[in-house]
Amino acid sequence: QGQLAASGGGSVQPGGSLRLTCAAAADRDTRYCMGWFRQAAGFRKAREGIATIDNDGKIIYADSVKGRFTVSQDSDKKTLYLQMDSVQPDDEATYYCSLAHDRCNSWWFLLRERRDDFGSWGQGTKVTVSS
């Protein structure tokens, strides 16, 4: 796996759980924002921000996953996790983790603006929801 490579995806039933992992091997400055975003299959589907955690431990969730997904990082801050519970069909997508040397507010803004410079990301992991 390379830097920022996500893993742990697979097939899950509605209501089930998955845990995604990201090897965050990139060097990080004091200020950073690590996040998860996803992209559903389909023509020109936009990237959707899911959750971020910054160097101070502040966490932001998208409304669509609030209360169901949990983002965390290990104590050495080299691995990022996304615990997905109560998975729904709309959660089906390829999930990516991202690193930005900036505030998370900027990450969310640039992602919503469909900009590519919101941060770096690596290989995604696909989550399929089916019964």
C-alpha atoms as a PDB file:
ATOM      1  CA  GLN A   1       0.000   0.000   0.000  1.00  0.00           C
ATOM      2  CA  GLY A   2       1.145   3.480  -0.754  1.00  0.00           C
ATOM      3  CA  GLN A   3       0.616   6.669   1.133  1.00  0.00           C
ATOM      4  CA  LEU A   4      -2.975   7.446   1.997  1.00  0.00           C
ATOM      5  CA  ALA A   5      -4.170   4.095   0.687  1.00  0.00           C
ATOM      6  CA  ALA A   6      -7.567   3.182   2.080  1.00  0.00           C
ATOM      7  CA  SER A   7      -8.529  -0.391   2.873  1.00  0.00           C
ATOM      8  CA  GLY A   8     -11.261  -2.377   4.576  1.00  0.00           C
ATOM      9  CA  GLY A   9     -14.026  -1.964   2.050  1.00  0.00           C
ATOM     10  CA  GLY A  10     -16.221  -4.773   0.866  1.00  0.00           C
ATOM     11  CA  SER A  11     -19.790  -5.903   0.756  1.00  0.00           C
ATOM     12  CA  VAL A  12     -22.090  -5.156   3.668  1.00  0.00           C
ATOM     13  CA  GLN A  13     -25.790  -5.595   4.265  1.00  0.00           C
ATOM     14  CA  PRO A  14     -27.996  -2.624   5.098  1.00  0.00           C
ATOM     15  CA  GLY A  15     -27.709  -1.986   8.802  1.00  0.00           C
ATOM     16  CA  GLY A  16     -24.313  -3.639   8.961  1.00  0.00           C
ATOM     17  CA  SER A  17     -20.877  -2.287   9.850  1.00  0.00           C
ATOM     18  CA  LEU A  18     -17.482  -1.876   8.269  1.00  0.00           C
ATOM     19  CA  ARG A  19     -14.221  -0.371   9.453  1.00  0.00           C
ATOM     20  CA  LEU A  20     -12.046   1.416   6.955  1.00  0.00           C
ATOM     21  CA  THR A  21      -8.361   2.036   7.535  1.00  0.00           C
ATOM     22  CA  CYS A  22      -5.957   4.494   5.971  1.00  0.00           C
ATOM     23  CA  ALA A  23      -2.211   4.225   6.193  1.00  0.00           C
ATOM     24  CA  ALA A  24      -1.305   7.878   6.626  1.00  0.00           C
ATOM     25  CA  ALA A  25       2.363   7.565   5.978  1.00  0.00           C
ATOM     26  CA  ALA A  26       2.759  11.090   4.682  1.00  0.00           C
ATOM     27  CA  ASP A  27       4.784  13.525   6.753  1.00  0.00           C
ATOM     28  CA  ARG A  28       2.616  16.069   8.435  1.00  0.00           C
ATOM     29  CA  ASP A  29       3.251  19.591   9.598  1.00  0.00           C
ATOM     30  CA  THR A  30       1.936  20.809  12.893  1.00  0.00           C
ATOM     31  CA  ARG A  31      -1.294  21.861  11.224  1.00  0.00           C
ATOM     32  CA  TYR A  32      -3.090  19.213   9.249  1.00  0.00           C
ATOM     33  CA  CYS A  33      -6.514  17.980   8.339  1.00  0.00           C
ATOM     34  CA  MET A  34      -7.166  14.322   7.687  1.00  0.00           C
ATOM     35  CA  GLY A  35     -10.437  13.329   6.178  1.00  0.00           C
ATOM     36  CA  TRP A  36     -12.559  10.764   4.452  1.00  0.00           C
ATOM     37  CA  PHE A  37     -14.523  11.432   1.329  1.00  0.00           C
ATOM     38  CA  ARG A  38     -16.436   9.170  -1.004  1.00  0.00           C
ATOM     39  CA  GLN A  39     -17.486   9.069  -4.593  1.00  0.00           C
ATOM     40  CA  ALA A  40     -20.441   7.068  -5.791  1.00  0.00           C
ATOM     41  CA  ALA A  41     -20.408   5.359  -9.155  1.00  0.00           C
ATOM     42  CA  GLY A  42     -21.996   7.231 -12.018  1.00  0.00           C
ATOM     43  CA  PHE A  43     -21.275   9.930 -14.510  1.00  0.00           C
ATOM     44  CA  ARG A  44     -19.821  13.052 -12.924  1.00  0.00           C
ATOM     45  CA  LYS A  45     -20.759  12.048  -9.407  1.00  0.00           C
ATOM     46  CA  ALA A  46     -19.272  14.601  -7.063  1.00  0.00           C
ATOM     47  CA  ARG A  47     -16.940  13.744  -4.244  1.00  0.00           C
ATOM     48  CA  GLU A  48     -18.730  13.921  -0.908  1.00  0.00           C
ATOM     49  CA  GLY A  49     -16.921  14.823   2.273  1.00  0.00           C
ATOM     50  CA  ILE A  50     -17.629  12.400   5.102  1.00  0.00           C
ATOM     51  CA  ALA A  51     -15.543  13.293   8.118  1.00  0.00           C
ATOM     52  CA  THR A  52     -12.409  15.132   9.131  1.00  0.00           C
ATOM     53  CA  ILE A  53     -10.115  15.246  12.120  1.00  0.00           C
ATOM     54  CA  ASP A  54      -7.455  17.897  12.600  1.00  0.00           C
ATOM     55  CA  ASN A  55      -4.210  18.159  14.544  1.00  0.00           C
ATOM     56  CA  ASP A  56      -6.154  19.392  17.576  1.00  0.00           C
ATOM     57  CA  GLY A  57      -8.483  16.418  17.432  1.00  0.00           C
ATOM     58  CA  LYS A  58     -11.472  18.461  16.301  1.00  0.00           C
ATOM     59  CA  ILE A  59     -13.900  16.318  14.318  1.00  0.00           C
ATOM     60  CA  ILE A  60     -16.476  17.324  11.717  1.00  0.00           C
ATOM     61  CA  TYR A  61     -19.033  15.004  10.140  1.00  0.00           C
ATOM     62  CA  ALA A  62     -21.272  15.372   7.150  1.00  0.00           C
ATOM     63  CA  ASP A  63     -24.943  15.408   8.095  1.00  0.00           C
ATOM     64  CA  SER A  64     -25.503  12.315   5.991  1.00  0.00           C
ATOM     65  CA  VAL A  65     -23.319  10.170   8.273  1.00  0.00           C
ATOM     66  CA  LYS A  66     -23.572  11.932  11.622  1.00  0.00           C
ATOM     67  CA  GLY A  67     -24.436   9.476  14.354  1.00  0.00           C
ATOM     68  CA  ARG A  68     -23.576   6.482  12.195  1.00  0.00           C
ATOM     69  CA  PHE A  69     -19.908   6.918  11.243  1.00  0.00           C
ATOM     70  CA  THR A  70     -16.975   7.574  13.546  1.00  0.00           C
ATOM     71  CA  VAL A  71     -13.584   8.901  12.474  1.00  0.00           C
ATOM     72  CA  SER A  72     -10.526   8.330  14.627  1.00  0.00           C
ATOM     73  CA  GLN A  73      -6.766   8.056  14.457  1.00  0.00           C
ATOM     74  CA  ASP A  74      -4.315   6.036  16.436  1.00  0.00           C
ATOM     75  CA  SER A  75      -2.058   7.549  19.071  1.00  0.00           C
ATOM     76  CA  ASP A  76       0.909   8.002  16.759  1.00  0.00           C
ATOM     77  CA  LYS A  77      -1.369   9.671  14.221  1.00  0.00           C
ATOM     78  CA  LYS A  78      -0.178   7.476  11.421  1.00  0.00           C
ATOM     79  CA  THR A  79      -3.388   5.535  10.857  1.00  0.00           C
ATOM     80  CA  LEU A  80      -6.832   6.928  10.217  1.00  0.00           C
ATOM     81  CA  TYR A  81     -10.010   4.936  10.718  1.00  0.00           C
ATOM     82  CA  LEU A  82     -13.621   5.234   9.688  1.00  0.00           C
ATOM     83  CA  GLN A  83     -16.061   3.076  11.612  1.00  0.00           C
ATOM     84  CA  MET A  84     -19.215   2.733   9.558  1.00  0.00           C
ATOM     85  CA  ASP A  85     -22.293   1.557  11.453  1.00  0.00           C
ATOM     86  CA  SER A  86     -25.924   1.337  10.383  1.00  0.00           C
ATOM     87  CA  VAL A  87     -24.770   1.353   6.781  1.00  0.00           C
ATOM     88  CA  GLN A  88     -27.414   2.396   4.257  1.00  0.00           C
ATOM     89  CA  PRO A  89     -27.707   1.797   0.514  1.00  0.00           C
ATOM     90  CA  ASP A  90     -26.789   5.459  -0.116  1.00  0.00           C
ATOM     91  CA  ASP A  91     -23.423   4.775   1.521  1.00  0.00           C
ATOM     92  CA  GLU A  92     -22.357   2.654  -1.414  1.00  0.00           C
ATOM     93  CA  ALA A  93     -19.306   4.343  -2.944  1.00  0.00           C
ATOM     94  CA  THR A  94     -15.556   4.250  -3.182  1.00  0.00           C
ATOM     95  CA  TYR A  95     -14.038   5.737  -0.053  1.00  0.00           C
ATOM     96  CA  TYR A  96     -10.803   7.687   0.076  1.00  0.00           C
ATOM     97  CA  CYS A  97      -8.754   9.202   2.839  1.00  0.00           C
ATOM     98  CA  SER A  98      -7.129  12.562   2.400  1.00  0.00           C
ATOM     99  CA  LEU A  99      -4.487  14.748   3.963  1.00  0.00           C
ATOM    100  CA  ALA A 100      -4.297  18.526   3.770  1.00  0.00           C
ATOM    101  CA  HIS A 101      -1.766  20.873   5.330  1.00  0.00           C
ATOM    102  CA  ASP A 102      -4.457  23.367   6.067  1.00  0.00           C
ATOM    103  CA  ARG A 103      -7.498  23.892   8.217  1.00  0.00           C
ATOM    104  CA  CYS A 104     -10.353  21.460   7.815  1.00  0.00           C
ATOM    105  CA  ASN A 105     -12.747  24.306   7.014  1.00  0.00           C
ATOM    106  CA  SER A 106     -10.744  24.844   3.858  1.00  0.00           C
ATOM    107  CA  TRP A 107     -10.874  21.115   3.033  1.00  0.00           C
ATOM    108  CA  TRP A 108     -14.666  21.078   3.264  1.00  0.00           C
ATOM    109  CA  PHE A 109     -15.032  24.275   1.267  1.00  0.00           C
ATOM    110  CA  LEU A 110     -12.763  23.204  -1.580  1.00  0.00           C
ATOM    111  CA  LEU A 111     -14.367  19.765  -1.746  1.00  0.00           C
ATOM    112  CA  ARG A 112     -17.838  21.289  -2.018  1.00  0.00           C
ATOM    113  CA  GLU A 113     -16.538  23.570  -4.753  1.00  0.00           C
ATOM    114  CA  ARG A 114     -15.409  20.461  -6.655  1.00  0.00           C
ATOM    115  CA  ARG A 115     -11.820  21.628  -6.514  1.00  0.00           C
ATOM    116  CA  ASP A 116      -9.002  19.093  -6.795  1.00  0.00           C
ATOM    117  CA  ASP A 117      -6.646  21.029  -4.554  1.00  0.00           C
ATOM    118  CA  PHE A 118      -8.425  20.279  -1.287  1.00  0.00           C
ATOM    119  CA  GLY A 119      -5.674  17.827  -0.345  1.00  0.00           C
ATOM    120  CA  SER A 120      -3.823  14.664  -1.278  1.00  0.00           C
ATOM    121  CA  TRP A 121      -5.412  11.269  -1.477  1.00  0.00           C
ATOM    122  CA  GLY A 122      -4.489   7.744  -2.461  1.00  0.00           C
ATOM    123  CA  GLN A 123      -6.108   4.555  -3.568  1.00  0.00           C
ATOM    124  CA  GLY A 124      -9.727   4.197  -2.515  1.00  0.00           C
ATOM    125  CA  THR A 125     -11.618   1.231  -1.176  1.00  0.00           C
ATOM    126  CA  LYS A 126     -15.016   0.243  -2.481  1.00  0.00           C
ATOM    127  CA  VAL A 127     -18.010  -0.281  -0.221  1.00  0.00           C
ATOM    128  CA  THR A 128     -20.952  -2.175  -1.647  1.00  0.00           C
ATOM    129  CA  VAL A 129     -24.270  -2.264   0.199  1.00  0.00           C
ATOM    130  CA  SER A 130     -26.598  -5.073  -0.722  1.00  0.00           C
ATOM    131  CA  SER A 131     -28.933  -7.491   0.927  1.00  0.00           C
END
